[in-house]
């Protein structure tokens, strides 16, 4: 059983991927700091061997305090797993700009700031690892997901830049690209879909229906549970020379390959086959 070099700080551990990763790494004897906006939601992870902290990636004071607490106890954050994030869907014109800003604040700006906070300590130590949880949606786009996909495209770009910038300091940057993961993702999409009777009403409804259908229908066989992503994160943290990217689930590998091979208009046709195209 390989041990990870140093304490692991994970964001977004209340459910899904973050929780599964914290449990897996702690079970194998690693020092794990599991975090969430609401600390009561992860209190049970203490019994699994985790140390828990409040951490809201939308709040500067909360992020600074969490990193400071880990550094005071451990000397340095050995590895940062940027997992906190959420999805929202809807035609771009229908998503309120405040909602767009909140999405980027959590999925992108919070990730950047967490990196900025842990990196001085990692550079002083001459070692460290950052694992950014992106999505297959960081490389491809489904209709109705423009805002969410934009955040994940940003995570991919930031990771590529940091991988080059930090290598000389002994710090490695890895991207995890989950495909269809059986969590509350579909419910989240349905719950945050803009409600309106305008020109995109039928389209937005079709996006909700298609998303629920993918997560609950036959295509779910190409997905996996959050434990599959946790195992990929564990590999990325333990490997002496980790890959730059880890696609997770058959759906991610299939669709990423398909997107790479298809011209833009052909992808539009394939991706749009399950959606009602907005029309006047």
C-alpha atoms as a PDB file:
ATOM      1  CA  UNK A   1       0.000   0.000   0.000  1.00  0.00           C
ATOM      2  CA  UNK A   2       1.730   3.162  -1.231  1.00  0.00           C
ATOM      3  CA  UNK A   3       1.767   6.208   1.009  1.00  0.00           C
ATOM      4  CA  UNK A   4       1.238   9.699  -0.323  1.00  0.00           C
ATOM      5  CA  UNK A   5       4.012  12.171   0.464  1.00  0.00           C
ATOM      6  CA  UNK A   6       2.504  14.567   2.998  1.00  0.00           C
ATOM      7  CA  UNK A   7      -0.957  15.620   4.087  1.00  0.00           C
ATOM      8  CA  UNK A   8      -3.749  15.716   1.493  1.00  0.00           C
ATOM      9  CA  UNK A   9      -6.219  18.609   1.535  1.00  0.00           C
ATOM     10  CA  UNK A  10      -9.474  17.918  -0.346  1.00  0.00           C
ATOM     11  CA  UNK A  11     -12.203  20.441  -1.117  1.00  0.00           C
ATOM     12  CA  UNK A  12     -15.895  19.584  -1.472  1.00  0.00           C
ATOM     13  CA  UNK A  13     -16.144  16.437   0.644  1.00  0.00           C
ATOM     14  CA  UNK A  14     -19.772  16.569   1.745  1.00  0.00           C
ATOM     15  CA  UNK A  15     -20.918  14.175  -1.003  1.00  0.00           C
ATOM     16  CA  UNK A  16     -19.840  12.304  -4.107  1.00  0.00           C
ATOM     17  CA  UNK A  17     -16.286  12.347  -5.395  1.00  0.00           C
ATOM     18  CA  UNK A  18     -14.761  14.353  -2.552  1.00  0.00           C
ATOM     19  CA  UNK A  19     -16.245  12.135   0.130  1.00  0.00           C
ATOM     20  CA  UNK A  20     -15.267   8.918  -1.658  1.00  0.00           C
ATOM     21  CA  UNK A  21     -11.696  10.189  -2.135  1.00  0.00           C
ATOM     22  CA  UNK A  22     -11.318  11.224   1.506  1.00  0.00           C
ATOM     23  CA  UNK A  23     -12.578   7.843   2.703  1.00  0.00           C
ATOM     24  CA  UNK A  24     -10.327   5.866   0.333  1.00  0.00           C
ATOM     25  CA  UNK A  25      -7.142   7.787   1.127  1.00  0.00           C
ATOM     26  CA  UNK A  26      -7.742   7.763   4.884  1.00  0.00           C
ATOM     27  CA  UNK A  27      -8.501   4.038   4.849  1.00  0.00           C
ATOM     28  CA  UNK A  28      -5.025   3.442   3.430  1.00  0.00           C
ATOM     29  CA  UNK A  29      -3.321   5.349   6.228  1.00  0.00           C
ATOM     30  CA  UNK A  30      -2.805   8.738   4.631  1.00  0.00           C
ATOM     31  CA  UNK A  31      -3.194  12.022   6.489  1.00  0.00           C
ATOM     32  CA  UNK A  32      -6.356  13.480   4.980  1.00  0.00           C
ATOM     33  CA  UNK A  33      -7.977  16.831   5.628  1.00  0.00           C
ATOM     34  CA  UNK A  34     -11.551  16.591   4.375  1.00  0.00           C
ATOM     35  CA  UNK A  35     -13.312  19.922   3.984  1.00  0.00           C
ATOM     36  CA  UNK A  36     -16.754  21.296   3.192  1.00  0.00           C
ATOM     37  CA  UNK A  37     -18.732  24.514   3.456  1.00  0.00           C
ATOM     38  CA  UNK A  38     -20.813  22.982   6.238  1.00  0.00           C
ATOM     39  CA  UNK A  39     -18.504  21.080   8.614  1.00  0.00           C
ATOM     40  CA  UNK A  40     -21.440  19.195  10.126  1.00  0.00           C
ATOM     41  CA  UNK A  41     -21.929  17.480   6.744  1.00  0.00           C
ATOM     42  CA  UNK A  42     -18.536  15.754   7.032  1.00  0.00           C
ATOM     43  CA  UNK A  43     -18.403  15.138  10.787  1.00  0.00           C
ATOM     44  CA  UNK A  44     -18.844  11.391  10.190  1.00  0.00           C
ATOM     45  CA  UNK A  45     -15.613  11.331   8.147  1.00  0.00           C
ATOM     46  CA  UNK A  46     -13.690  11.625  11.408  1.00  0.00           C
ATOM     47  CA  UNK A  47     -14.699   8.046  12.156  1.00  0.00           C
ATOM     48  CA  UNK A  48     -13.174   7.069   8.798  1.00  0.00           C
ATOM     49  CA  UNK A  49      -9.822   8.524   9.880  1.00  0.00           C
ATOM     50  CA  UNK A  50     -10.074  11.972   8.293  1.00  0.00           C
ATOM     51  CA  UNK A  51      -9.410  15.308   9.906  1.00  0.00           C
ATOM     52  CA  UNK A  52     -12.155  17.771   9.045  1.00  0.00           C
ATOM     53  CA  UNK A  53     -12.185  21.508   8.430  1.00  0.00           C
ATOM     54  CA  UNK A  54     -14.678  24.118   7.282  1.00  0.00           C
ATOM     55  CA  UNK A  55     -13.705  25.419   3.852  1.00  0.00           C
ATOM     56  CA  UNK A  56     -15.852  27.486   1.511  1.00  0.00           C
ATOM     57  CA  UNK A  57     -14.095  28.082  -1.819  1.00  0.00           C
ATOM     58  CA  UNK A  58     -16.242  31.177  -2.319  1.00  0.00           C
ATOM     59  CA  UNK A  59     -14.847  32.804   0.839  1.00  0.00           C
ATOM     60  CA  UNK A  60     -11.292  34.163   1.104  1.00  0.00           C
ATOM     61  CA  UNK A  61     -11.133  34.033   4.916  1.00  0.00           C
ATOM     62  CA  UNK A  62     -12.385  30.438   4.963  1.00  0.00           C
ATOM     63  CA  UNK A  63      -9.824  29.263   2.386  1.00  0.00           C
ATOM     64  CA  UNK A  64      -6.939  31.070   4.091  1.00  0.00           C
ATOM     65  CA  UNK A  65      -7.873  29.699   7.520  1.00  0.00           C
ATOM     66  CA  UNK A  66      -8.108  26.112   6.275  1.00  0.00           C
ATOM     67  CA  UNK A  67      -4.718  26.195   4.541  1.00  0.00           C
ATOM     68  CA  UNK A  68      -3.135  27.880   7.564  1.00  0.00           C
ATOM     69  CA  UNK A  69      -4.548  25.176   9.860  1.00  0.00           C
ATOM     70  CA  UNK A  70      -3.071  22.379   7.743  1.00  0.00           C
ATOM     71  CA  UNK A  71       0.304  24.105   7.458  1.00  0.00           C
ATOM     72  CA  UNK A  72       0.428  24.738  11.199  1.00  0.00           C
ATOM     73  CA  UNK A  73      -0.245  21.073  11.931  1.00  0.00           C
ATOM     74  CA  UNK A  74       1.748  19.474   9.092  1.00  0.00           C
ATOM     75  CA  UNK A  75       4.301  22.086   8.016  1.00  0.00           C
ATOM     76  CA  UNK A  76       3.101  22.013   4.407  1.00  0.00           C
ATOM     77  CA  UNK A  77       0.173  20.830   2.319  1.00  0.00           C
ATOM     78  CA  UNK A  78       1.610  17.801   0.549  1.00  0.00           C
ATOM     79  CA  UNK A  79      -1.177  17.511  -1.987  1.00  0.00           C
ATOM     80  CA  UNK A  80      -4.209  19.597  -2.876  1.00  0.00           C
ATOM     81  CA  UNK A  81      -7.253  17.986  -4.489  1.00  0.00           C
ATOM     82  CA  UNK A  82      -9.466  20.702  -5.992  1.00  0.00           C
ATOM     83  CA  UNK A  83     -12.796  18.916  -6.156  1.00  0.00           C
ATOM     84  CA  UNK A  84     -15.378  21.495  -5.045  1.00  0.00           C
ATOM     85  CA  UNK A  85     -17.720  22.474  -7.847  1.00  0.00           C
ATOM     86  CA  UNK A  86     -21.209  22.157  -9.238  1.00  0.00           C
ATOM     87  CA  UNK A  87     -23.101  22.165 -12.512  1.00  0.00           C
ATOM     88  CA  UNK A  88     -25.881  24.254 -13.968  1.00  0.00           C
ATOM     89  CA  UNK A  89     -27.504  24.074 -17.363  1.00  0.00           C
ATOM     90  CA  UNK A  90     -29.592  26.189 -19.686  1.00  0.00           C
ATOM     91  CA  UNK A  91     -29.213  28.121 -22.903  1.00  0.00           C
ATOM     92  CA  UNK A  92     -26.563  30.778 -22.303  1.00  0.00           C
ATOM     93  CA  UNK A  93     -28.999  33.630 -22.937  1.00  0.00           C
ATOM     94  CA  UNK A  94     -31.315  32.327 -20.184  1.00  0.00           C
ATOM     95  CA  UNK A  95     -28.766  31.925 -17.388  1.00  0.00           C
ATOM     96  CA  UNK A  96     -28.738  35.026 -15.132  1.00  0.00           C
ATOM     97  CA  UNK A  97     -25.328  36.660 -15.092  1.00  0.00           C
ATOM     98  CA  UNK A  98     -25.203  36.432 -11.292  1.00  0.00           C
ATOM     99  CA  UNK A  99     -25.576  32.658 -11.649  1.00  0.00           C
ATOM    100  CA  UNK A 100     -22.755  32.605 -14.201  1.00  0.00           C
ATOM    101  CA  UNK A 101     -20.542  34.534 -11.790  1.00  0.00           C
ATOM    102  CA  UNK A 102     -21.349  32.149  -8.922  1.00  0.00           C
ATOM    103  CA  UNK A 103     -20.478  29.179 -11.122  1.00  0.00           C
ATOM    104  CA  UNK A 104     -17.086  30.624 -12.018  1.00  0.00           C
ATOM    105  CA  UNK A 105     -16.485  31.734  -8.420  1.00  0.00           C
ATOM    106  CA  UNK A 106     -16.814  28.159  -7.200  1.00  0.00           C
ATOM    107  CA  UNK A 107     -15.494  26.105 -10.115  1.00  0.00           C
ATOM    108  CA  UNK A 108     -12.653  28.377 -11.263  1.00  0.00           C
ATOM    109  CA  UNK A 109     -11.762  31.279  -8.975  1.00  0.00           C
ATOM    110  CA  UNK A 110     -11.920  29.143  -5.835  1.00  0.00           C
ATOM    111  CA  UNK A 111      -9.625  26.587  -7.474  1.00  0.00           C
ATOM    112  CA  UNK A 112      -7.144  29.286  -8.478  1.00  0.00           C
ATOM    113  CA  UNK A 113      -7.113  30.794  -5.007  1.00  0.00           C
ATOM    114  CA  UNK A 114      -6.600  27.430  -3.297  1.00  0.00           C
ATOM    115  CA  UNK A 115      -3.572  26.854  -5.529  1.00  0.00           C
ATOM    116  CA  UNK A 116      -2.206  30.306  -4.726  1.00  0.00           C
ATOM    117  CA  UNK A 117      -2.554  29.649  -0.998  1.00  0.00           C
ATOM    118  CA  UNK A 118      -0.799  26.253  -0.907  1.00  0.00           C
ATOM    119  CA  UNK A 119       1.942  26.953  -3.460  1.00  0.00           C
ATOM    120  CA  UNK A 120       4.309  29.100  -1.338  1.00  0.00           C
ATOM    121  CA  UNK A 121       4.622  26.261   1.176  1.00  0.00           C
ATOM    122  CA  UNK A 122       5.019  23.650  -1.545  1.00  0.00           C
ATOM    123  CA  UNK A 123       7.746  25.699  -3.231  1.00  0.00           C
ATOM    124  CA  UNK A 124       9.637  26.073   0.049  1.00  0.00           C
ATOM    125  CA  UNK A 125       9.423  22.319   0.570  1.00  0.00           C
ATOM    126  CA  UNK A 126      10.505  21.622  -3.006  1.00  0.00           C
ATOM    127  CA  UNK A 127       7.647  19.175  -3.521  1.00  0.00           C
ATOM    128  CA  UNK A 128       3.892  18.951  -3.861  1.00  0.00           C
ATOM    129  CA  UNK A 129       1.065  17.795  -6.049  1.00  0.00           C
ATOM    130  CA  UNK A 130      -2.098  19.494  -7.254  1.00  0.00           C
ATOM    131  CA  UNK A 131      -4.958  17.388  -8.606  1.00  0.00           C
ATOM    132  CA  UNK A 132      -7.700  19.342 -10.347  1.00  0.00           C
ATOM    133  CA  UNK A 133     -11.019  17.575 -10.860  1.00  0.00           C
ATOM    134  CA  UNK A 134     -12.230  18.672 -14.272  1.00  0.00           C
ATOM    135  CA  UNK A 135     -14.614  16.656 -16.458  1.00  0.00           C
ATOM    136  CA  UNK A 136     -14.834  15.177 -19.913  1.00  0.00           C
ATOM    137  CA  UNK A 137     -16.851  18.380 -20.317  1.00  0.00           C
ATOM    138  CA  UNK A 138     -13.589  20.281 -20.178  1.00  0.00           C
ATOM    139  CA  UNK A 139     -12.782  18.953 -23.649  1.00  0.00           C
ATOM    140  CA  UNK A 140     -16.219  18.701 -25.252  1.00  0.00           C
ATOM    141  CA  UNK A 141     -19.546  20.509 -25.043  1.00  0.00           C
ATOM    142  CA  UNK A 142     -23.135  19.311 -24.905  1.00  0.00           C
ATOM    143  CA  UNK A 143     -25.966  21.696 -25.866  1.00  0.00           C
ATOM    144  CA  UNK A 144     -27.346  23.557 -22.890  1.00  0.00           C
ATOM    145  CA  UNK A 145     -24.208  23.206 -20.831  1.00  0.00           C
ATOM    146  CA  UNK A 146     -22.223  26.200 -22.044  1.00  0.00           C
ATOM    147  CA  UNK A 147     -21.633  27.883 -18.691  1.00  0.00           C
ATOM    148  CA  UNK A 148     -20.627  24.689 -16.874  1.00  0.00           C
ATOM    149  CA  UNK A 149     -18.433  23.544 -19.754  1.00  0.00           C
ATOM    150  CA  UNK A 150     -16.766  26.964 -19.834  1.00  0.00           C
ATOM    151  CA  UNK A 151     -15.682  26.536 -16.210  1.00  0.00           C
ATOM    152  CA  UNK A 152     -14.224  23.115 -16.909  1.00  0.00           C
ATOM    153  CA  UNK A 153     -12.441  24.350 -20.059  1.00  0.00           C
ATOM    154  CA  UNK A 154     -10.884  26.974 -17.782  1.00  0.00           C
ATOM    155  CA  UNK A 155      -9.735  24.294 -15.323  1.00  0.00           C
ATOM    156  CA  UNK A 156      -8.041  22.425 -18.178  1.00  0.00           C
ATOM    157  CA  UNK A 157      -6.235  25.568 -19.375  1.00  0.00           C
ATOM    158  CA  UNK A 158      -5.131  26.606 -15.889  1.00  0.00           C
ATOM    159  CA  UNK A 159      -3.819  23.114 -15.198  1.00  0.00           C
ATOM    160  CA  UNK A 160      -1.770  23.075 -18.394  1.00  0.00           C
ATOM    161  CA  UNK A 161      -0.235  26.437 -17.540  1.00  0.00           C
ATOM    162  CA  UNK A 162       0.569  25.486 -13.953  1.00  0.00           C
ATOM    163  CA  UNK A 163       2.016  22.132 -14.970  1.00  0.00           C
ATOM    164  CA  UNK A 164       4.715  23.996 -16.908  1.00  0.00           C
ATOM    165  CA  UNK A 165       5.167  26.811 -14.370  1.00  0.00           C
ATOM    166  CA  UNK A 166       5.556  24.546 -11.331  1.00  0.00           C
ATOM    167  CA  UNK A 167       7.591  21.599 -12.612  1.00  0.00           C
ATOM    168  CA  UNK A 168      10.901  23.303 -11.810  1.00  0.00           C
ATOM    169  CA  UNK A 169       9.818  23.646  -8.168  1.00  0.00           C
ATOM    170  CA  UNK A 170       9.146  19.911  -7.828  1.00  0.00           C
ATOM    171  CA  UNK A 171       5.372  20.366  -7.973  1.00  0.00           C
ATOM    172  CA  UNK A 172       3.263  18.242 -10.313  1.00  0.00           C
ATOM    173  CA  UNK A 173      -0.187  19.143 -11.644  1.00  0.00           C
ATOM    174  CA  UNK A 174      -2.693  16.504 -12.750  1.00  0.00           C
ATOM    175  CA  UNK A 175      -6.169  16.716 -14.272  1.00  0.00           C
ATOM    176  CA  UNK A 176      -8.935  14.193 -13.569  1.00  0.00           C
ATOM    177  CA  UNK A 177     -11.590  13.964 -16.304  1.00  0.00           C
ATOM    178  CA  UNK A 178     -14.640  12.046 -15.080  1.00  0.00           C
ATOM    179  CA  UNK A 179     -17.336  11.041 -17.491  1.00  0.00           C
ATOM    180  CA  UNK A 180     -20.786   9.955 -16.386  1.00  0.00           C
ATOM    181  CA  UNK A 181     -20.643   9.632 -12.596  1.00  0.00           C
ATOM    182  CA  UNK A 182     -23.651   8.291 -10.707  1.00  0.00           C
ATOM    183  CA  UNK A 183     -24.192  11.001  -8.110  1.00  0.00           C
ATOM    184  CA  UNK A 184     -26.900  13.646  -7.689  1.00  0.00           C
ATOM    185  CA  UNK A 185     -25.625  15.390 -10.859  1.00  0.00           C
ATOM    186  CA  UNK A 186     -28.858  14.924 -12.834  1.00  0.00           C
ATOM    187  CA  UNK A 187     -31.000  16.190  -9.970  1.00  0.00           C
ATOM    188  CA  UNK A 188     -28.739  19.233  -9.653  1.00  0.00           C
ATOM    189  CA  UNK A 189     -29.084  20.038 -13.348  1.00  0.00           C
ATOM    190  CA  UNK A 190     -32.874  19.734 -13.197  1.00  0.00           C
ATOM    191  CA  UNK A 191     -33.097  21.841 -10.051  1.00  0.00           C
ATOM    192  CA  UNK A 192     -31.015  24.713 -11.456  1.00  0.00           C
ATOM    193  CA  UNK A 193     -32.483  24.896 -14.950  1.00  0.00           C
ATOM    194  CA  UNK A 194     -33.848  28.376 -15.724  1.00  0.00           C
ATOM    195  CA  UNK A 195     -37.671  28.361 -15.791  1.00  0.00           C
ATOM    196  CA  UNK A 196     -39.120  30.522 -18.534  1.00  0.00           C
ATOM    197  CA  UNK A 197     -41.688  30.445 -21.326  1.00  0.00           C
ATOM    198  CA  UNK A 198     -39.567  32.220 -23.934  1.00  0.00           C
ATOM    199  CA  UNK A 199     -37.902  30.955 -27.093  1.00  0.00           C
ATOM    200  CA  UNK A 200     -35.678  28.503 -25.186  1.00  0.00           C
ATOM    201  CA  UNK A 201     -38.403  26.890 -23.054  1.00  0.00           C
ATOM    202  CA  UNK A 202     -38.666  23.666 -25.075  1.00  0.00           C
ATOM    203  CA  UNK A 203     -34.897  23.485 -25.468  1.00  0.00           C
ATOM    204  CA  UNK A 204     -34.230  23.877 -21.739  1.00  0.00           C
ATOM    205  CA  UNK A 205     -36.827  21.205 -20.963  1.00  0.00           C
ATOM    206  CA  UNK A 206     -35.181  18.876 -23.470  1.00  0.00           C
ATOM    207  CA  UNK A 207     -31.791  19.438 -21.794  1.00  0.00           C
ATOM    208  CA  UNK A 208     -33.273  18.400 -18.446  1.00  0.00           C
ATOM    209  CA  UNK A 209     -34.948  15.352 -19.964  1.00  0.00           C
ATOM    210  CA  UNK A 210     -31.827  14.295 -21.856  1.00  0.00           C
ATOM    211  CA  UNK A 211     -29.619  14.688 -18.772  1.00  0.00           C
ATOM    212  CA  UNK A 212     -31.929  12.649 -16.569  1.00  0.00           C
ATOM    213  CA  UNK A 213     -32.235  10.072 -19.336  1.00  0.00           C
ATOM    214  CA  UNK A 214     -28.473   9.656 -19.619  1.00  0.00           C
ATOM    215  CA  UNK A 215     -28.000   9.225 -15.877  1.00  0.00           C
ATOM    216  CA  UNK A 216     -30.954   6.902 -15.386  1.00  0.00           C
ATOM    217  CA  UNK A 217     -31.181   5.098 -18.740  1.00  0.00           C
ATOM    218  CA  UNK A 218     -29.107   2.457 -20.587  1.00  0.00           C
ATOM    219  CA  UNK A 219     -26.152   4.830 -21.038  1.00  0.00           C
ATOM    220  CA  UNK A 220     -25.621   4.696 -17.285  1.00  0.00           C
ATOM    221  CA  UNK A 221     -23.818   1.413 -17.947  1.00  0.00           C
ATOM    222  CA  UNK A 222     -20.957   3.486 -19.380  1.00  0.00           C
ATOM    223  CA  UNK A 223     -20.679   5.398 -16.119  1.00  0.00           C
ATOM    224  CA  UNK A 224     -19.459   4.553 -12.654  1.00  0.00           C
ATOM    225  CA  UNK A 225     -19.795   5.608  -9.046  1.00  0.00           C
ATOM    226  CA  UNK A 226     -17.681   8.280  -7.354  1.00  0.00           C
ATOM    227  CA  UNK A 227     -15.404   5.518  -6.058  1.00  0.00           C
ATOM    228  CA  UNK A 228     -13.991   5.122  -9.585  1.00  0.00           C
ATOM    229  CA  UNK A 229     -12.885   8.753  -9.573  1.00  0.00           C
ATOM    230  CA  UNK A 230     -11.454   8.358  -6.074  1.00  0.00           C
ATOM    231  CA  UNK A 231      -9.277   5.498  -7.335  1.00  0.00           C
ATOM    232  CA  UNK A 232      -8.002   7.637 -10.215  1.00  0.00           C
ATOM    233  CA  UNK A 233      -7.159  10.470  -7.813  1.00  0.00           C
ATOM    234  CA  UNK A 234      -5.318   7.985  -5.605  1.00  0.00           C
ATOM    235  CA  UNK A 235      -3.258   6.829  -8.616  1.00  0.00           C
ATOM    236  CA  UNK A 236      -2.460  10.429  -9.516  1.00  0.00           C
ATOM    237  CA  UNK A 237      -1.257  11.119  -5.971  1.00  0.00           C
ATOM    238  CA  UNK A 238       0.788   7.948  -5.546  1.00  0.00           C
ATOM    239  CA  UNK A 239       2.489   7.711  -8.952  1.00  0.00           C
ATOM    240  CA  UNK A 240       6.110   8.839  -9.060  1.00  0.00           C
ATOM    241  CA  UNK A 241       5.469  10.227 -12.539  1.00  0.00           C
ATOM    242  CA  UNK A 242       1.717  10.730 -12.847  1.00  0.00           C
ATOM    243  CA  UNK A 243       0.025  11.123 -16.189  1.00  0.00           C
ATOM    244  CA  UNK A 244      -1.046  14.654 -17.018  1.00  0.00           C
ATOM    245  CA  UNK A 245      -4.679  13.533 -17.394  1.00  0.00           C
ATOM    246  CA  UNK A 246      -6.790  10.645 -16.137  1.00  0.00           C
ATOM    247  CA  UNK A 247     -10.086  10.093 -17.991  1.00  0.00           C
ATOM    248  CA  UNK A 248     -12.463   8.118 -15.777  1.00  0.00           C
ATOM    249  CA  UNK A 249     -15.298   5.784 -16.945  1.00  0.00           C
ATOM    250  CA  UNK A 250     -15.897   4.226 -20.367  1.00  0.00           C
ATOM    251  CA  UNK A 251     -18.179   7.167 -21.250  1.00  0.00           C
ATOM    252  CA  UNK A 252     -15.306   9.636 -20.865  1.00  0.00           C
ATOM    253  CA  UNK A 253     -12.880   7.560 -22.902  1.00  0.00           C
ATOM    254  CA  UNK A 254     -15.438   6.926 -25.654  1.00  0.00           C
ATOM    255  CA  UNK A 255     -16.708  10.498 -25.963  1.00  0.00           C
ATOM    256  CA  UNK A 256     -13.297  12.157 -25.674  1.00  0.00           C
ATOM    257  CA  UNK A 257     -12.017   9.948 -28.500  1.00  0.00           C
ATOM    258  CA  UNK A 258     -15.128  10.633 -30.565  1.00  0.00           C
ATOM    259  CA  UNK A 259     -14.776  14.388 -30.060  1.00  0.00           C
ATOM    260  CA  UNK A 260     -11.121  14.274 -31.077  1.00  0.00           C
ATOM    261  CA  UNK A 261     -11.958  12.513 -34.334  1.00  0.00           C
ATOM    262  CA  UNK A 262     -15.066  14.430 -35.396  1.00  0.00           C
ATOM    263  CA  UNK A 263     -15.073  17.841 -37.116  1.00  0.00           C
ATOM    264  CA  UNK A 264     -17.057  20.523 -35.279  1.00  0.00           C
ATOM    265  CA  UNK A 265     -20.222  20.268 -37.359  1.00  0.00           C
ATOM    266  CA  UNK A 266     -20.265  16.475 -37.136  1.00  0.00           C
ATOM    267  CA  UNK A 267     -19.931  16.711 -33.340  1.00  0.00           C
ATOM    268  CA  UNK A 268     -22.761  19.270 -33.276  1.00  0.00           C
ATOM    269  CA  UNK A 269     -24.962  16.781 -35.114  1.00  0.00           C
ATOM    270  CA  UNK A 270     -24.099  13.895 -32.796  1.00  0.00           C
ATOM    271  CA  UNK A 271     -24.314  15.891 -29.563  1.00  0.00           C
ATOM    272  CA  UNK A 272     -27.499  17.617 -30.682  1.00  0.00           C
ATOM    273  CA  UNK A 273     -29.375  14.441 -31.609  1.00  0.00           C
ATOM    274  CA  UNK A 274     -31.052  14.325 -28.173  1.00  0.00           C
ATOM    275  CA  UNK A 275     -31.991  18.008 -27.949  1.00  0.00           C
ATOM    276  CA  UNK A 276     -34.658  20.216 -29.527  1.00  0.00           C
ATOM    277  CA  UNK A 277     -32.831  22.920 -31.427  1.00  0.00           C
ATOM    278  CA  UNK A 278     -34.124  26.384 -30.430  1.00  0.00           C
ATOM    279  CA  UNK A 279     -36.037  28.031 -33.283  1.00  0.00           C
ATOM    280  CA  UNK A 280     -38.135  31.219 -33.689  1.00  0.00           C
END
